[in-house]
C-alpha atoms as a PDB file:
ATOM      1  CA  MET A   1      89.023  99.558  68.942  1.00  0.00           C
ATOM      2  CA  THR A   2      89.030  97.250  65.919  1.00  0.00           C
ATOM      3  CA  ILE A   3      86.450  97.621  63.166  1.00  0.00           C
ATOM      4  CA  THR A   4      84.996  94.201  62.374  1.00  0.00           C
ATOM      5  CA  THR A   5      82.358  95.115  59.781  1.00  0.00           C
ATOM      6  CA  ILE A   6      82.624  97.038  56.523  1.00  0.00           C
ATOM      7  CA  GLY A   7      79.565  98.006  54.491  1.00  0.00           C
ATOM      8  CA  ALA A   8      79.381  98.318  50.721  1.00  0.00           C
ATOM      9  CA  GLY A   9      75.871  98.972  49.455  1.00  0.00           C
ATOM     10  CA  PRO A  10      73.770  95.950  50.465  1.00  0.00           C
ATOM     11  CA  LEU A  11      76.879  93.949  51.426  1.00  0.00           C
ATOM     12  CA  LEU A  12      78.379  93.720  54.886  1.00  0.00           C
ATOM     13  CA  LEU A  13      81.823  92.185  55.378  1.00  0.00           C
ATOM     14  CA  ASP A  14      82.067  90.725  58.878  1.00  0.00           C
ATOM     15  CA  THR A  15      85.747  90.066  59.545  1.00  0.00           C
ATOM     16  CA  LEU A  16      85.111  88.771  63.073  1.00  0.00           C
ATOM     17  CA  HIS A  17      82.854  85.946  61.864  1.00  0.00           C
ATOM     18  CA  THR A  18      84.531  85.600  58.441  1.00  0.00           C
ATOM     19  CA  GLU A  19      81.338  86.050  56.453  1.00  0.00           C
ATOM     20  CA  VAL A  20      79.643  88.381  54.006  1.00  0.00           C
ATOM     21  CA  LEU A  21      75.983  89.298  54.360  1.00  0.00           C
ATOM     22  CA  ALA A  22      73.898  90.466  51.398  1.00  0.00           C
ATOM     23  CA  ASN A  23      70.705  92.211  52.436  1.00  0.00           C
ATOM     24  CA  GLY A  24      71.086  90.588  55.851  1.00  0.00           C
ATOM     25  CA  GLN A  25      71.515  87.044  54.509  1.00  0.00           C
ATOM     26  CA  PRO A  26      74.872  85.225  54.587  1.00  0.00           C
ATOM     27  CA  LEU A  27      76.446  84.417  51.235  1.00  0.00           C
ATOM     28  CA  ARG A  28      77.856  80.925  50.775  1.00  0.00           C
ATOM     29  CA  LEU A  29      81.444  81.616  49.789  1.00  0.00           C
ATOM     30  CA  THR A  30      84.619  79.598  49.565  1.00  0.00           C
ATOM     31  CA  PRO A  31      87.574  80.943  51.539  1.00  0.00           C
ATOM     32  CA  ARG A  32      89.150  82.345  48.365  1.00  0.00           C
ATOM     33  CA  GLN A  33      85.869  83.987  47.302  1.00  0.00           C
ATOM     34  CA  TYR A  34      85.609  85.559  50.759  1.00  0.00           C
ATOM     35  CA  GLU A  35      89.114  87.039  50.496  1.00  0.00           C
ATOM     36  CA  VAL A  36      88.589  88.365  46.939  1.00  0.00           C
ATOM     37  CA  LEU A  37      85.168  89.823  47.727  1.00  0.00           C
ATOM     38  CA  GLY A  38      86.572  91.317  50.934  1.00  0.00           C
ATOM     39  CA  LEU A  39      89.181  93.201  48.920  1.00  0.00           C
ATOM     40  CA  LEU A  40      86.480  94.465  46.531  1.00  0.00           C
ATOM     41  CA  ILE A  41      84.265  95.546  49.438  1.00  0.00           C
ATOM     42  CA  ARG A  42      87.151  97.440  51.050  1.00  0.00           C
ATOM     43  CA  HIS A  43      87.563  99.337  47.744  1.00  0.00           C
ATOM     44  CA  TYR A  44      83.852  99.637  46.916  1.00  0.00           C
ATOM     45  CA  GLY A  45      83.294 101.687  43.760  1.00  0.00           C
ATOM     46  CA  ARG A  46      87.019 101.954  43.021  1.00  0.00           C
ATOM     47  CA  LEU A  47      89.150  99.977  40.603  1.00  0.00           C
ATOM     48  CA  VAL A  48      91.109  97.122  42.177  1.00  0.00           C
ATOM     49  CA  PRO A  49      94.010  96.277  39.863  1.00  0.00           C
ATOM     50  CA  LYS A  50      94.581  92.596  39.121  1.00  0.00           C
ATOM     51  CA  ASP A  51      98.053  92.794  40.624  1.00  0.00           C
ATOM     52  CA  MET A  52      96.592  94.035  43.895  1.00  0.00           C
ATOM     53  CA  PHE A  53      94.702  90.747  44.250  1.00  0.00           C
ATOM     54  CA  THR A  54      97.782  88.630  43.634  1.00  0.00           C
ATOM     55  CA  THR A  55      99.885  90.801  45.964  1.00  0.00           C
ATOM     56  CA  ALA A  56      97.284  90.964  48.737  1.00  0.00           C
ATOM     57  CA  LEU A  57      96.551  87.247  48.564  1.00  0.00           C
ATOM     58  CA  SER A  58     100.061  85.984  47.779  1.00  0.00           C
ATOM     59  CA  GLY A  59     100.507  84.832  51.372  1.00  0.00           C
ATOM     60  CA  PHE A  60      97.163  83.058  51.232  1.00  0.00           C
ATOM     61  CA  GLY A  61      97.899  79.825  53.027  1.00  0.00           C
ATOM     62  CA  GLU A  62     100.537  81.189  55.353  1.00  0.00           C
ATOM     63  CA  SER A  63      98.870  84.046  57.204  1.00  0.00           C
ATOM     64  CA  LYS A  64      95.303  83.747  55.928  1.00  0.00           C
ATOM     65  CA  PRO A  65      92.715  81.866  57.991  1.00  0.00           C
ATOM     66  CA  PHE A  66      91.825  79.147  55.518  1.00  0.00           C
ATOM     67  CA  GLY A  67      95.104  77.805  54.133  1.00  0.00           C
ATOM     68  CA  ALA A  68      94.647  78.150  50.348  1.00  0.00           C
ATOM     69  CA  THR A  69      97.425  78.558  47.808  1.00  0.00           C
ATOM     70  CA  THR A  70      98.532  81.685  45.950  1.00  0.00           C
ATOM     71  CA  LEU A  71      96.210  83.388  43.476  1.00  0.00           C
ATOM     72  CA  SER A  72      97.205  83.429  39.790  1.00  0.00           C
ATOM     73  CA  HIS A  73      95.467  85.612  37.196  1.00  0.00           C
ATOM     74  CA  ASN A  74      93.591  82.550  35.865  1.00  0.00           C
ATOM     75  CA  ASN A  75      92.463  81.595  39.373  1.00  0.00           C
ATOM     76  CA  LEU A  76      91.347  85.184  39.874  1.00  0.00           C
ATOM     77  CA  GLU A  77      89.208  85.138  36.708  1.00  0.00           C
ATOM     78  CA  VAL A  78      87.508  81.907  37.773  1.00  0.00           C
ATOM     79  CA  THR A  79      86.944  83.258  41.284  1.00  0.00           C
ATOM     80  CA  ILE A  80      85.438  86.494  39.912  1.00  0.00           C
ATOM     81  CA  HIS A  81      83.140  84.471  37.619  1.00  0.00           C
ATOM     82  CA  ARG A  82      81.866  82.429  40.555  1.00  0.00           C
ATOM     83  CA  LEU A  83      81.489  85.512  42.741  1.00  0.00           C
ATOM     84  CA  ARG A  84      79.313  87.106  40.062  1.00  0.00           C
ATOM     85  CA  GLN A  85      77.012  84.108  40.332  1.00  0.00           C
ATOM     86  CA  CYS A  86      76.913  84.423  44.135  1.00  0.00           C
ATOM     87  CA  LEU A  87      76.133  88.155  43.904  1.00  0.00           C
ATOM     88  CA  ALA A  88      73.255  87.784  41.411  1.00  0.00           C
ATOM     89  CA  GLY A  89      70.190  89.591  42.759  1.00  0.00           C
ATOM     90  CA  THR A  90      72.009  91.254  45.671  1.00  0.00           C
ATOM     91  CA  GLY A  91      72.068  94.767  44.203  1.00  0.00           C
ATOM     92  CA  VAL A  92      75.795  94.847  43.431  1.00  0.00           C
ATOM     93  CA  SER A  93      77.928  93.424  40.660  1.00  0.00           C
ATOM     94  CA  ILE A  94      81.563  93.104  39.673  1.00  0.00           C
ATOM     95  CA  LYS A  95      82.572  95.028  36.568  1.00  0.00           C
ATOM     96  CA  THR A  96      85.684  94.185  34.566  1.00  0.00           C
ATOM     97  CA  GLU A  97      87.974  96.894  33.302  1.00  0.00           C
ATOM     98  CA  TRP A  98      89.842  95.025  30.611  1.00  0.00           C
ATOM     99  CA  ARG A  99      93.523  94.477  31.365  1.00  0.00           C
ATOM    100  CA  ARG A 100      93.244  96.676  34.447  1.00  0.00           C
ATOM    101  CA  GLY A 101      91.166  95.011  37.141  1.00  0.00           C
ATOM    102  CA  TYR A 102      87.744  94.822  38.737  1.00  0.00           C
ATOM    103  CA  ARG A 103      85.304  97.166  40.415  1.00  0.00           C
ATOM    104  CA  LEU A 104      82.424  96.336  42.786  1.00  0.00           C
ATOM    105  CA  VAL A 105      79.522  98.648  41.902  1.00  0.00           C
ATOM    106  CA  PRO A 106      75.798  98.999  42.561  1.00  0.00           C
ATOM    107  CA  ASP A 107      73.575  97.392  39.941  1.00  0.00           C
ATOM    108  CA  ALA A 108      72.067  99.870  37.497  1.00  0.00           C
ATOM    109  CA  SER A 109      68.385 100.411  38.268  1.00  0.00           C
END
């Protein structure tokens, strides 16, 4: 049996339909944003080192469903910035740990 959904707070990663739901509503994401957010969701609450993104997505375009190019550190920073905008008001946010990586965490209430 294959697991096709992964929950992280109010987010639900649906790998079968290649989408992320926030509080039951689909987020409008680019293919790269979907892959980056998917990695953060899979490691919810834990630090994801920057190198893990570039390693995990280095084949992006060969074996990934959308055919994008590899992910540099600059591309990653831009993607994270845009994901933060997409996640505004969802109840989760992406925190930066300087020079280390990123962490998807619940918003402070």
